[in-house]
Amino acid sequence: MTTGNLVSTFFARQADVPTKPAILWEGESVCTFGELPERVGQMRAALAHLGVRRGDRVMVKTGNSPNFIFTYLAVLASGAIFVPMNAAYTAAEVALLVEDAEPALLIHDAETAVPPKGSDAVARITLNMDGSGALPDLAAGQQPDFGVEPMALSDLAVMLFTSGTTGRPKGAMLTHGNLLSNVEALYETWRFSREDEILHCLPLFHAHGLFVCLHLGLYSAASLHMLPKFDAARVIAELGKVSVFMGVPTFYTRLLESPEFTKDATSSIRLFISGSAPLLPSVFSAFEARTGHRILERYGMTETAMITSNPYEQVGRIPGTVGFPLPGVTVRIVDADRRELPAGEVGEIEMAGPNLCAGYWRRPEATAESFYADGFFRTGDTGFKDAEGRVTIAGRSKDLIISGGYNVYPAEIEMLLADVPGVQDVAVFGVPHPDFGEAVMAAITTEGTAFDMAAMQTVIAERLAKFKQPKQVFVLDAFPRNAMGKILKNELRGRYRDSFAR
């Protein structure tokens, strides 16, 4: 029976290719699409044995493995709510999320940081980074439960906690309907089919790896070639076996550093996709020069999954932009009074659509602050549309720098400085200043020996208005980043916030 349960949709779309590999792990087939329901059914039976019921939250803190996928699908098939966590979280961070979500079960790697036993009443079981553990051992001895709990499209499927870089993490409540609408839109926009083979090395605890890469494989009945994590040499070795690769900008930078990454190595690929952090136009251009491929950049959030995408046709992809709203999604640029702005003017990005989550778990005040009565969501990002409706991100609202009364958008300066020879990556941020309110600052990493600070200062002086010019430029060995490669500007602001203290 087809229900609103996302798992029912996946299984129905895979039913006529039972002998096709569903998941390949480090080059070896783990199961076919015909075998996938049995593996999920065994895991569902194990969860039921552990007391998991419809509506329960199941928290998972471990690395990528096929058993992670079986667990995820089993949780949804049970009618429970899947709550993944960053595998790098500390025990204190996990305790905070456990307190918030009140899970029926905590699944974790035996070696990872979790609160000590006895500090909570939550049942727990192990699923290790290599796919071993007490949970898969339990599942292996179970008779498969092939049932899929009937769900309404409005029922919760996944709760993803925001990163918490600006305060306590919030649990975005994503429904079966949210996730189904998004994968349908991506399938259409990116022209997926069961002929595709996808290389997957993104973390499964994140929306990019879970809702985009994994879901498209399951919805398209496209084989997923999985690696535990990104490794440039291993990715290059696997590219010839697949047609699609998804990554964060750091992945593409690392690939370009390898002499083995050539046009021939990418000859089987029809689509390279980038997201989760801004892709510098310089990386876009270098990638095209090396491979002939123009990377497709898209834009999404934890609360919405994907919102916009550059066109499928390569000629329509413009570096520095994130493209057009996906089918069914509305995006508008507004001023402080929520009046829609004309093309070219920077304002806050709002969106509405069937992909927008149901709000924040047990956070009515935070929900009311960002979810408007007219159905639109305040993204917290700033940007603008061109005359065709293409969206360009200017930065996070919290990253806006107001210096001497003027608005400074970091993305504009970052793109300019990234084109200076020898610059590998750049971050622009504001710190307190006694005269200007905030001072514009820049930090960069460099490659090779080509970088010349004098040349950068010339570019700054000649190409930027005085109020936009960084007061200082710091050359760093590496940036602080989160698990998806985003530069943690809050850490940079903290590091340099007393630069102008009197």
Protein backbone atom coordinates (compact mmCIF):
# COMPACT_ATOMS: atom_id res chain seq x y z
CA MET A 1 0.00 0.00 0.00
CA THR A 2 1.30 3.41 -0.92
CA THR A 3 1.06 5.88 1.96
CA GLY A 4 2.46 9.27 2.80
CA ASN A 5 5.45 7.46 4.29
CA LEU A 6 8.56 8.37 2.32
CA VAL A 7 9.83 4.78 2.57
CA SER A 8 6.75 3.51 0.70
CA THR A 9 7.53 5.90 -2.13
CA PHE A 10 11.15 4.78 -2.31
CA PHE A 11 10.30 1.07 -2.33
CA ALA A 12 7.55 1.52 -4.93
CA ARG A 13 9.91 3.31 -7.31
CA GLN A 14 12.59 0.60 -6.88
CA ALA A 15 10.28 -2.40 -7.30
CA ASP A 16 10.94 -3.08 -10.98
CA VAL A 17 14.78 -3.11 -10.69
CA PRO A 18 15.23 -5.79 -7.99
CA THR A 19 18.61 -7.02 -9.21
CA LYS A 20 20.22 -3.58 -9.50
CA PRO A 21 22.76 -2.69 -6.76
CA ALA A 22 21.24 -0.21 -4.33
CA ILE A 23 24.32 0.48 -2.18
CA LEU A 24 27.96 -0.15 -2.95
CA TRP A 25 30.30 0.37 -0.01
CA GLU A 26 33.92 1.12 -0.91
CA GLY A 27 33.40 -0.56 -4.28
CA GLU A 28 31.56 -3.70 -3.08
CA SER A 29 27.81 -4.26 -3.51
CA VAL A 30 26.03 -4.45 -0.14
CA CYS A 31 22.49 -5.08 -1.34
CA THR A 32 20.27 -4.80 -4.39
CA PHE A 33 17.05 -2.82 -4.52
CA GLY A 34 15.22 -6.12 -4.23
CA GLU A 35 17.11 -6.94 -1.02
CA LEU A 36 16.82 -3.46 0.51
CA PRO A 37 13.32 -3.97 2.05
CA GLU A 38 14.57 -7.08 3.85
CA ARG A 39 17.58 -5.26 5.32
CA VAL A 40 15.34 -2.40 6.40
CA GLY A 41 12.74 -4.87 7.71
CA GLN A 42 15.31 -6.60 9.91
CA MET A 43 16.38 -3.24 11.31
CA ARG A 44 12.75 -2.27 11.86
CA ALA A 45 12.20 -5.49 13.82
CA ALA A 46 15.29 -4.72 15.92
CA LEU A 47 13.98 -1.23 16.71
CA ALA A 48 10.62 -2.68 17.72
CA HIS A 49 12.44 -5.16 19.99
CA LEU A 50 14.09 -2.13 21.63
CA GLY A 51 10.71 -0.51 22.20
CA VAL A 52 10.65 2.07 19.40
CA ARG A 53 7.10 3.04 18.46
CA ARG A 54 5.35 5.48 16.15
CA GLY A 55 6.13 9.09 17.08
CA ASP A 56 9.23 8.24 19.14
CA ARG A 57 12.44 10.14 18.50
CA VAL A 58 15.46 8.00 17.64
CA MET A 59 18.79 9.84 17.93
CA VAL A 60 21.77 8.66 15.91
CA LYS A 61 25.40 9.71 16.38
CA THR A 62 27.77 7.77 14.17
CA GLY A 63 29.54 7.89 10.83
CA ASN A 64 28.52 6.83 7.33
CA SER A 65 27.86 3.15 6.73
CA PRO A 66 25.21 1.07 4.95
CA ASN A 67 23.76 0.25 8.38
CA PHE A 68 23.22 3.97 8.94
CA ILE A 69 20.96 3.95 5.86
CA PHE A 70 19.10 0.81 6.94
CA THR A 71 18.55 2.37 10.37
CA TYR A 72 17.30 5.62 8.88
CA LEU A 73 14.78 3.90 6.63
CA ALA A 74 13.71 1.57 9.44
CA VAL A 75 13.02 4.49 11.76
CA LEU A 76 10.81 6.13 9.11
CA ALA A 77 9.12 2.80 8.27
CA SER A 78 8.28 2.49 12.00
CA GLY A 79 6.56 5.87 11.98
CA ALA A 80 9.22 7.18 14.35
CA ILE A 81 11.24 10.40 13.96
CA PHE A 82 14.90 10.23 12.95
CA VAL A 83 17.21 12.67 14.78
CA PRO A 84 20.79 12.59 13.44
CA MET A 85 23.65 14.33 15.21
CA ASN A 86 27.06 15.47 14.10
CA ALA A 87 29.46 12.65 14.96
CA ALA A 88 31.94 15.24 16.27
CA TYR A 89 29.64 16.61 18.99
CA THR A 90 30.95 16.48 22.54
CA ALA A 91 29.19 14.64 25.34
CA ALA A 92 27.92 17.97 26.68
CA GLU A 93 26.45 18.91 23.29
CA VAL A 94 24.78 15.51 23.01
CA ALA A 95 23.32 15.86 26.51
CA LEU A 96 21.75 19.18 25.50
CA LEU A 97 20.10 17.65 22.44
CA VAL A 98 18.94 14.57 24.37
CA GLU A 99 17.33 16.85 26.92
CA ASP A 100 15.57 18.72 24.11
CA ALA A 101 14.44 15.79 21.93
CA GLU A 102 13.70 13.28 24.71
CA PRO A 103 14.47 10.29 22.48
CA ALA A 104 13.26 6.75 23.09
CA LEU A 105 16.61 5.44 21.86
CA LEU A 106 20.15 6.76 21.38
CA ILE A 107 22.17 4.92 18.73
CA HIS A 108 25.88 5.74 18.84
CA ASP A 109 29.38 4.61 18.02
CA ALA A 110 31.03 2.82 20.92
CA GLU A 111 33.97 5.23 20.81
CA THR A 112 32.11 8.49 20.27
CA ALA A 113 31.39 11.09 22.94
CA VAL A 114 28.01 10.57 24.63
CA PRO A 115 26.78 11.35 28.13
CA PRO A 116 27.79 8.70 30.70
CA LYS A 117 25.29 5.97 31.49
CA GLY A 118 23.07 6.89 34.37
CA SER A 119 23.01 10.59 33.48
CA ASP A 120 19.73 10.09 31.61
CA ALA A 121 17.02 7.48 31.27
CA VAL A 122 17.46 7.01 27.53
CA ALA A 123 17.98 3.50 26.19
CA ARG A 124 21.08 3.20 24.02
CA ILE A 125 22.72 0.77 21.64
CA THR A 126 25.84 0.85 19.48
CA LEU A 127 26.25 1.33 15.73
CA ASN A 128 29.92 1.87 15.03
CA MET A 129 31.63 3.95 12.37
CA ASP A 130 32.55 0.78 10.48
CA GLY A 131 28.93 -0.44 10.49
CA SER A 132 29.43 -3.00 13.26
CA GLY A 133 27.83 -2.89 16.69
CA ALA A 134 25.08 -4.27 18.90
CA LEU A 135 22.28 -2.84 16.75
CA PRO A 136 23.27 -4.55 13.47
CA ASP A 137 24.01 -7.73 15.43
CA LEU A 138 20.49 -7.62 16.87
CA ALA A 139 18.99 -6.91 13.44
CA ALA A 140 20.81 -9.84 11.84
CA GLY A 141 18.89 -12.27 14.07
CA GLN A 142 15.45 -10.79 13.41
CA GLN A 143 12.73 -11.92 11.02
CA PRO A 144 12.15 -8.93 8.72
CA ASP A 145 9.13 -6.74 9.42
CA PHE A 146 8.20 -5.61 5.90
CA GLY A 147 5.42 -3.33 7.13
CA VAL A 148 5.64 0.40 6.52
CA GLU A 149 3.62 2.49 8.95
CA PRO A 150 0.98 4.54 7.08
CA MET A 151 1.74 8.23 7.59
CA ALA A 152 0.16 11.49 6.53
CA LEU A 153 2.34 13.85 4.51
CA SER A 154 2.12 16.24 7.48
CA ASP A 155 3.56 13.69 9.92
CA LEU A 156 7.12 14.26 11.14
CA ALA A 157 9.90 12.20 9.59
CA VAL A 158 13.17 13.85 10.64
CA MET A 159 14.28 16.39 13.20
CA LEU A 160 17.51 18.11 12.27
CA PHE A 161 19.15 20.43 14.76
CA THR A 162 20.54 23.68 13.46
CA SER A 163 24.26 24.19 14.00
CA GLY A 164 23.76 26.43 16.99
CA THR A 165 26.47 28.92 15.98
CA THR A 166 24.27 31.79 17.20
CA GLY A 167 22.74 30.16 20.27
CA ARG A 168 21.17 26.93 21.46
CA PRO A 169 20.48 24.54 18.53
CA LYS A 170 16.88 24.37 17.32
CA GLY A 171 15.24 21.18 16.06
CA ALA A 172 13.79 21.77 12.59
CA MET A 173 10.77 19.46 12.20
CA LEU A 174 10.69 18.04 8.67
CA THR A 175 7.65 16.07 7.52
CA HIS A 176 7.32 13.21 5.05
CA GLY A 177 5.67 15.72 2.70
CA ASN A 178 8.54 18.22 3.03
CA LEU A 179 11.08 15.58 2.06
CA LEU A 180 9.00 14.06 -0.72
CA SER A 181 8.30 17.41 -2.37
CA ASN A 182 11.97 18.32 -2.29
CA VAL A 183 13.28 15.11 -3.81
CA GLU A 184 10.59 15.31 -6.52
CA ALA A 185 11.70 18.85 -7.39
CA LEU A 186 15.40 17.92 -7.49
CA TYR A 187 14.68 14.80 -9.57
CA GLU A 188 12.94 16.97 -12.16
CA THR A 189 15.37 19.90 -12.08
CA TRP A 190 18.55 17.83 -12.24
CA ARG A 191 17.12 15.23 -14.65
CA PHE A 192 17.85 12.17 -12.60
CA SER A 193 16.99 8.68 -13.79
CA ARG A 194 17.66 5.06 -12.85
CA GLU A 195 20.54 5.17 -15.32
CA ASP A 196 22.46 7.33 -12.85
CA GLU A 197 25.22 6.14 -10.51
CA ILE A 198 25.93 8.51 -7.61
CA LEU A 199 29.19 8.88 -5.69
CA HIS A 200 28.28 9.66 -2.06
CA CYS A 201 30.92 10.74 0.49
CA LEU A 202 28.97 13.45 2.33
CA PRO A 203 28.11 12.98 6.02
CA LEU A 204 24.69 11.37 6.40
CA PHE A 205 23.88 13.38 9.53
CA HIS A 206 23.59 16.51 7.37
CA ALA A 207 20.77 17.58 5.02
CA HIS A 208 23.13 17.56 2.03
CA GLY A 209 24.12 13.93 2.47
CA LEU A 210 20.74 12.71 3.73
CA PHE A 211 18.03 14.66 1.88
CA VAL A 212 19.85 15.41 -1.37
CA CYS A 213 22.38 12.71 -2.18
CA LEU A 214 20.79 9.70 -0.45
CA HIS A 215 17.18 10.59 -1.25
CA LEU A 216 17.90 11.13 -4.93
CA GLY A 217 19.55 7.72 -5.13
CA LEU A 218 16.61 6.01 -3.43
CA TYR A 219 13.92 7.95 -5.33
CA SER A 220 15.63 7.51 -8.72
CA ALA A 221 16.60 3.86 -8.13
CA ALA A 222 20.13 5.05 -8.90
CA SER A 223 22.98 3.03 -7.37
CA LEU A 224 24.79 4.77 -4.53
CA HIS A 225 28.58 4.29 -4.51
CA MET A 226 29.45 5.21 -0.93
CA LEU A 227 32.70 6.10 0.81
CA PRO A 228 33.06 6.62 4.58
CA LYS A 229 34.23 10.19 3.99
CA PHE A 230 35.81 12.40 1.36
CA ASP A 231 39.29 11.43 0.26
CA ALA A 232 40.50 13.06 -2.96
CA ALA A 233 42.50 10.07 -4.22
CA ARG A 234 39.65 7.62 -3.57
CA VAL A 235 37.08 9.94 -5.13
CA ILE A 236 39.20 10.30 -8.28
CA ALA A 237 39.52 6.52 -8.48
CA GLU A 238 35.73 6.11 -8.25
CA LEU A 239 34.65 8.90 -10.62
CA GLY A 240 34.88 6.70 -13.71
CA LYS A 241 32.17 4.41 -12.28
CA VAL A 242 29.53 7.10 -11.68
CA SER A 243 27.55 9.84 -13.41
CA VAL A 244 26.91 12.28 -10.54
CA PHE A 245 29.10 13.70 -7.78
CA MET A 246 27.93 15.99 -4.99
CA GLY A 247 30.24 17.86 -2.68
CA VAL A 248 30.98 20.95 -0.66
CA PRO A 249 33.37 23.60 -2.03
CA THR A 250 36.27 22.21 -0.01
CA PHE A 251 35.94 18.92 -1.91
CA TYR A 252 36.38 20.68 -5.23
CA THR A 253 39.36 22.66 -3.96
CA ARG A 254 41.03 19.43 -2.81
CA LEU A 255 40.33 17.69 -6.13
CA LEU A 256 41.93 20.56 -8.04
CA GLU A 257 45.06 20.20 -5.91
CA SER A 258 45.60 16.67 -7.29
CA PRO A 259 47.42 16.23 -10.61
CA GLU A 260 45.44 13.00 -11.05
CA PHE A 261 42.25 15.02 -11.34
CA THR A 262 42.03 15.47 -15.10
CA LYS A 263 39.44 15.87 -17.83
CA ASP A 264 39.74 12.16 -18.56
CA ALA A 265 39.01 11.34 -14.91
CA THR A 266 35.66 13.16 -15.17
CA SER A 267 34.61 11.89 -18.60
CA SER A 268 31.71 9.76 -17.26
CA ILE A 269 30.21 12.52 -15.10
CA ARG A 270 27.12 14.36 -16.30
CA LEU A 271 26.68 16.51 -13.20
CA PHE A 272 28.89 18.01 -10.48
CA ILE A 273 26.85 19.66 -7.70
CA SER A 274 28.10 21.95 -4.93
CA GLY A 275 26.39 23.27 -1.83
CA SER A 276 26.42 23.79 1.97
CA ALA A 277 28.85 26.72 1.63
CA PRO A 278 29.59 29.37 -1.03
CA LEU A 279 31.61 28.22 -4.03
CA LEU A 280 34.17 30.85 -4.98
CA PRO A 281 33.98 31.93 -8.63
CA SER A 282 37.74 31.32 -8.85
CA VAL A 283 37.18 27.62 -7.97
CA PHE A 284 34.28 27.44 -10.45
CA SER A 285 36.52 28.83 -13.20
CA ALA A 286 39.52 26.64 -12.35
CA PHE A 287 37.29 23.57 -12.30
CA GLU A 288 35.85 24.39 -15.70
CA ALA A 289 39.30 25.03 -17.15
CA ARG A 290 40.57 21.69 -15.84
CA THR A 291 37.59 19.45 -16.65
CA GLY A 292 35.26 21.27 -19.03
CA HIS A 293 32.49 21.00 -16.40
CA ARG A 294 30.65 23.96 -14.90
CA ILE A 295 29.73 23.05 -11.32
CA LEU A 296 26.02 23.36 -10.52
CA GLU A 297 25.57 25.38 -7.34
CA ARG A 298 22.35 25.31 -5.34
CA TYR A 299 21.05 26.81 -2.11
CA GLY A 300 19.30 25.21 0.83
CA MET A 301 18.91 25.23 4.59
CA THR A 302 18.26 22.78 7.40
CA GLU A 303 14.70 24.09 7.71
CA THR A 304 13.88 23.87 4.00
CA ALA A 305 16.13 21.29 2.33
CA MET A 306 16.83 22.76 -1.14
CA ILE A 307 15.38 26.15 -2.18
CA THR A 308 17.06 27.16 -5.45
CA SER A 309 19.29 25.67 -8.13
CA ASN A 310 21.28 26.86 -11.09
CA PRO A 311 19.94 25.47 -14.39
CA TYR A 312 20.70 21.97 -15.55
CA GLU A 313 22.09 23.33 -18.84
CA GLN A 314 25.75 24.14 -18.21
CA VAL A 315 25.64 27.38 -20.19
CA GLY A 316 23.04 28.71 -17.75
CA ARG A 317 25.18 28.25 -14.65
CA ILE A 318 26.68 31.52 -13.48
CA PRO A 319 29.42 31.51 -10.83
CA GLY A 320 28.59 33.31 -7.62
CA THR A 321 24.84 32.70 -7.98
CA VAL A 322 22.55 29.98 -6.66
CA GLY A 323 20.04 30.04 -9.50
CA PHE A 324 16.26 29.98 -9.55
CA PRO A 325 13.61 28.75 -7.11
CA LEU A 326 12.85 25.03 -7.42
CA PRO A 327 9.42 23.96 -8.73
CA GLY A 328 6.75 24.84 -6.18
CA VAL A 329 9.05 27.16 -4.20
CA THR A 330 8.64 30.95 -3.97
CA VAL A 331 11.58 33.21 -3.10
CA ARG A 332 11.34 36.93 -2.50
CA ILE A 333 13.77 39.65 -1.41
CA VAL A 334 12.37 42.07 1.16
CA ASP A 335 13.36 45.13 3.15
CA ALA A 336 13.11 45.52 6.93
CA ASP A 337 9.33 46.09 6.61
CA ARG A 338 8.95 42.94 4.45
CA ARG A 339 8.25 44.95 1.32
CA GLU A 340 9.48 43.18 -1.80
CA LEU A 341 12.51 44.84 -3.37
CA PRO A 342 13.19 45.34 -7.09
CA ALA A 343 15.84 43.39 -9.00
CA GLY A 344 19.39 44.22 -8.00
CA GLU A 345 18.61 45.49 -4.49
CA VAL A 346 19.97 43.55 -1.53
CA GLY A 347 17.52 42.50 1.17
CA GLU A 348 16.57 39.56 3.33
CA ILE A 349 15.60 36.33 1.59
CA GLU A 350 12.20 34.86 2.39
CA MET A 351 10.84 31.62 0.98
CA ALA A 352 7.65 29.58 0.98
CA GLY A 353 6.86 26.16 -0.38
CA PRO A 354 5.98 22.55 0.40
CA ASN A 355 9.59 21.94 1.49
CA LEU A 356 9.37 24.35 4.44
CA CYS A 357 9.54 22.50 7.75
CA ALA A 358 6.74 22.52 10.31
CA GLY A 359 8.62 24.77 12.74
CA TYR A 360 11.09 24.27 15.59
CA TRP A 361 10.63 21.46 18.10
CA ARG A 362 9.23 22.82 21.37
CA ARG A 363 10.42 26.34 20.49
CA PRO A 364 7.23 28.37 19.86
CA GLU A 365 9.01 31.70 20.29
CA ALA A 366 11.73 30.81 17.76
CA THR A 367 9.08 29.47 15.39
CA ALA A 368 7.02 32.67 15.65
CA GLU A 369 10.15 34.75 15.00
CA SER A 370 11.00 33.08 11.67
CA PHE A 371 7.74 31.56 10.36
CA TYR A 372 5.26 34.19 9.22
CA ALA A 373 1.47 33.83 9.16
CA ASP A 374 1.42 34.30 5.36
CA GLY A 375 3.44 31.08 4.90
CA PHE A 376 6.85 32.66 4.32
CA PHE A 377 10.01 31.81 6.24
CA ARG A 378 12.70 34.27 7.24
CA THR A 379 15.90 32.57 6.09
CA GLY A 380 18.34 34.90 7.82
CA ASP A 381 20.25 35.22 4.55
CA THR A 382 20.60 38.37 2.50
CA GLY A 383 20.76 38.50 -1.27
CA PHE A 384 19.25 39.88 -4.45
CA LYS A 385 17.59 38.76 -7.66
CA ASP A 386 18.64 39.76 -11.15
CA ALA A 387 16.14 40.76 -13.84
CA GLU A 388 15.58 37.09 -14.72
CA GLY A 389 14.87 36.08 -11.12
CA ARG A 390 18.21 34.42 -10.48
CA VAL A 391 19.24 34.60 -6.81
CA THR A 392 22.66 35.68 -5.51
CA ILE A 393 23.48 35.31 -1.80
CA ALA A 394 25.12 38.32 -0.18
CA GLY A 395 25.64 36.65 3.20
CA ARG A 396 23.93 35.86 6.46
CA SER A 397 21.98 38.70 8.04
CA LYS A 398 24.16 38.25 11.11
CA ASP A 399 27.25 38.61 8.90
CA LEU A 400 26.15 42.03 7.62
CA ILE A 401 28.75 44.62 8.63
CA ILE A 402 27.60 48.17 9.36
CA SER A 403 30.66 50.39 9.22
CA GLY A 404 30.29 54.13 9.61
CA GLY A 405 26.57 53.77 8.95
CA TYR A 406 27.09 51.94 5.62
CA ASN A 407 26.01 48.36 4.94
CA VAL A 408 28.88 46.10 3.87
CA TYR A 409 28.09 42.67 2.41
CA PRO A 410 31.01 40.27 2.97
CA ALA A 411 30.31 38.11 -0.11
CA GLU A 412 31.04 41.03 -2.44
CA ILE A 413 34.49 41.57 -0.92
CA GLU A 414 35.22 37.85 -0.65
CA MET A 415 34.67 37.30 -4.35
CA LEU A 416 36.97 40.20 -5.21
CA LEU A 417 39.79 39.12 -2.91
CA ALA A 418 39.51 35.48 -4.03
CA ASP A 419 40.65 36.55 -7.49
CA VAL A 420 43.98 37.87 -6.19
CA PRO A 421 46.74 35.47 -7.35
CA GLY A 422 47.75 33.02 -4.65
CA VAL A 423 44.58 33.35 -2.55
CA GLN A 424 43.07 29.97 -1.75
CA ASP A 425 40.12 31.00 0.40
CA VAL A 426 38.85 34.16 2.07
CA ALA A 427 36.48 35.25 4.82
CA VAL A 428 35.33 38.80 5.51
CA PHE A 429 33.78 39.68 8.86
CA GLY A 430 33.20 42.60 11.20
CA VAL A 431 34.63 43.41 14.62
CA PRO A 432 33.82 46.25 17.05
CA HIS A 433 35.43 49.61 16.23
CA PRO A 434 35.30 52.70 18.49
CA ASP A 435 34.75 55.16 15.62
CA PHE A 436 32.94 53.21 12.90
CA GLY A 437 30.84 50.86 15.04
CA GLU A 438 32.25 47.91 13.12
CA ALA A 439 35.46 47.49 11.17
CA VAL A 440 35.70 45.33 8.07
CA MET A 441 38.30 42.58 8.47
CA ALA A 442 39.54 39.86 6.11
CA ALA A 443 41.29 36.56 6.65
CA ILE A 444 42.78 34.47 3.86
CA THR A 445 44.60 31.22 3.23
CA THR A 446 47.13 31.05 0.41
CA GLU A 447 48.49 28.45 -1.97
CA GLY A 448 52.00 28.14 -3.37
CA THR A 449 54.29 31.15 -3.37
CA ALA A 450 52.34 33.38 -5.73
CA PHE A 451 50.60 35.47 -3.09
CA ASP A 452 51.75 39.07 -2.75
CA MET A 453 50.16 41.17 0.01
CA ALA A 454 51.08 44.37 -1.81
CA ALA A 455 49.08 43.21 -4.83
CA MET A 456 46.09 42.53 -2.59
CA GLN A 457 46.31 45.94 -0.99
CA THR A 458 46.35 47.47 -4.47
CA VAL A 459 43.19 45.60 -5.41
CA ILE A 460 41.55 46.70 -2.14
CA ALA A 461 42.48 50.35 -2.70
CA GLU A 462 41.47 50.47 -6.36
CA ARG A 463 38.36 48.30 -6.40
CA LEU A 464 36.61 48.95 -3.09
CA ALA A 465 35.04 52.07 -1.65
CA LYS A 466 36.80 53.26 1.46
CA PHE A 467 34.07 52.04 3.82
CA LYS A 468 34.30 48.52 2.33
CA GLN A 469 38.06 48.21 2.60
CA PRO A 470 39.31 45.71 5.21
CA LYS A 471 41.18 47.45 8.00
CA GLN A 472 43.40 44.38 8.34
CA VAL A 473 44.07 41.23 6.31
CA PHE A 474 45.19 38.15 8.23
CA VAL A 475 47.00 35.27 6.52
CA LEU A 476 46.05 31.99 8.24
CA ASP A 477 47.33 28.45 7.89
CA ALA A 478 43.73 27.17 7.93
CA PHE A 479 40.22 28.38 8.68
CA PRO A 480 38.04 27.08 11.49
CA ARG A 481 35.28 25.12 9.73
CA ASN A 482 32.24 23.05 10.59
CA ALA A 483 31.65 19.50 9.40
CA MET A 484 30.33 20.66 6.02
CA GLY A 485 33.27 22.95 5.31
CA LYS A 486 31.62 26.26 6.19
CA ILE A 487 34.04 28.81 7.61
CA LEU A 488 33.09 29.62 11.20
CA LYS A 489 33.08 33.40 11.08
CA ASN A 490 31.88 33.62 14.67
CA GLU A 491 35.20 32.10 15.73
CA LEU A 492 37.12 34.61 13.61
CA ARG A 493 35.09 37.47 15.08
CA GLY A 494 35.88 36.19 18.56
CA ARG A 495 39.57 35.81 17.76
CA TYR A 496 39.97 39.39 16.49
CA ARG A 497 37.17 41.24 18.28
CA ASP A 498 39.59 43.26 20.48
CA SER A 499 41.75 44.43 17.58
CA PHE A 500 40.63 48.06 18.07
CA ALA A 501 39.94 48.04 21.79
CA ARG A 502 41.09 51.24 23.51
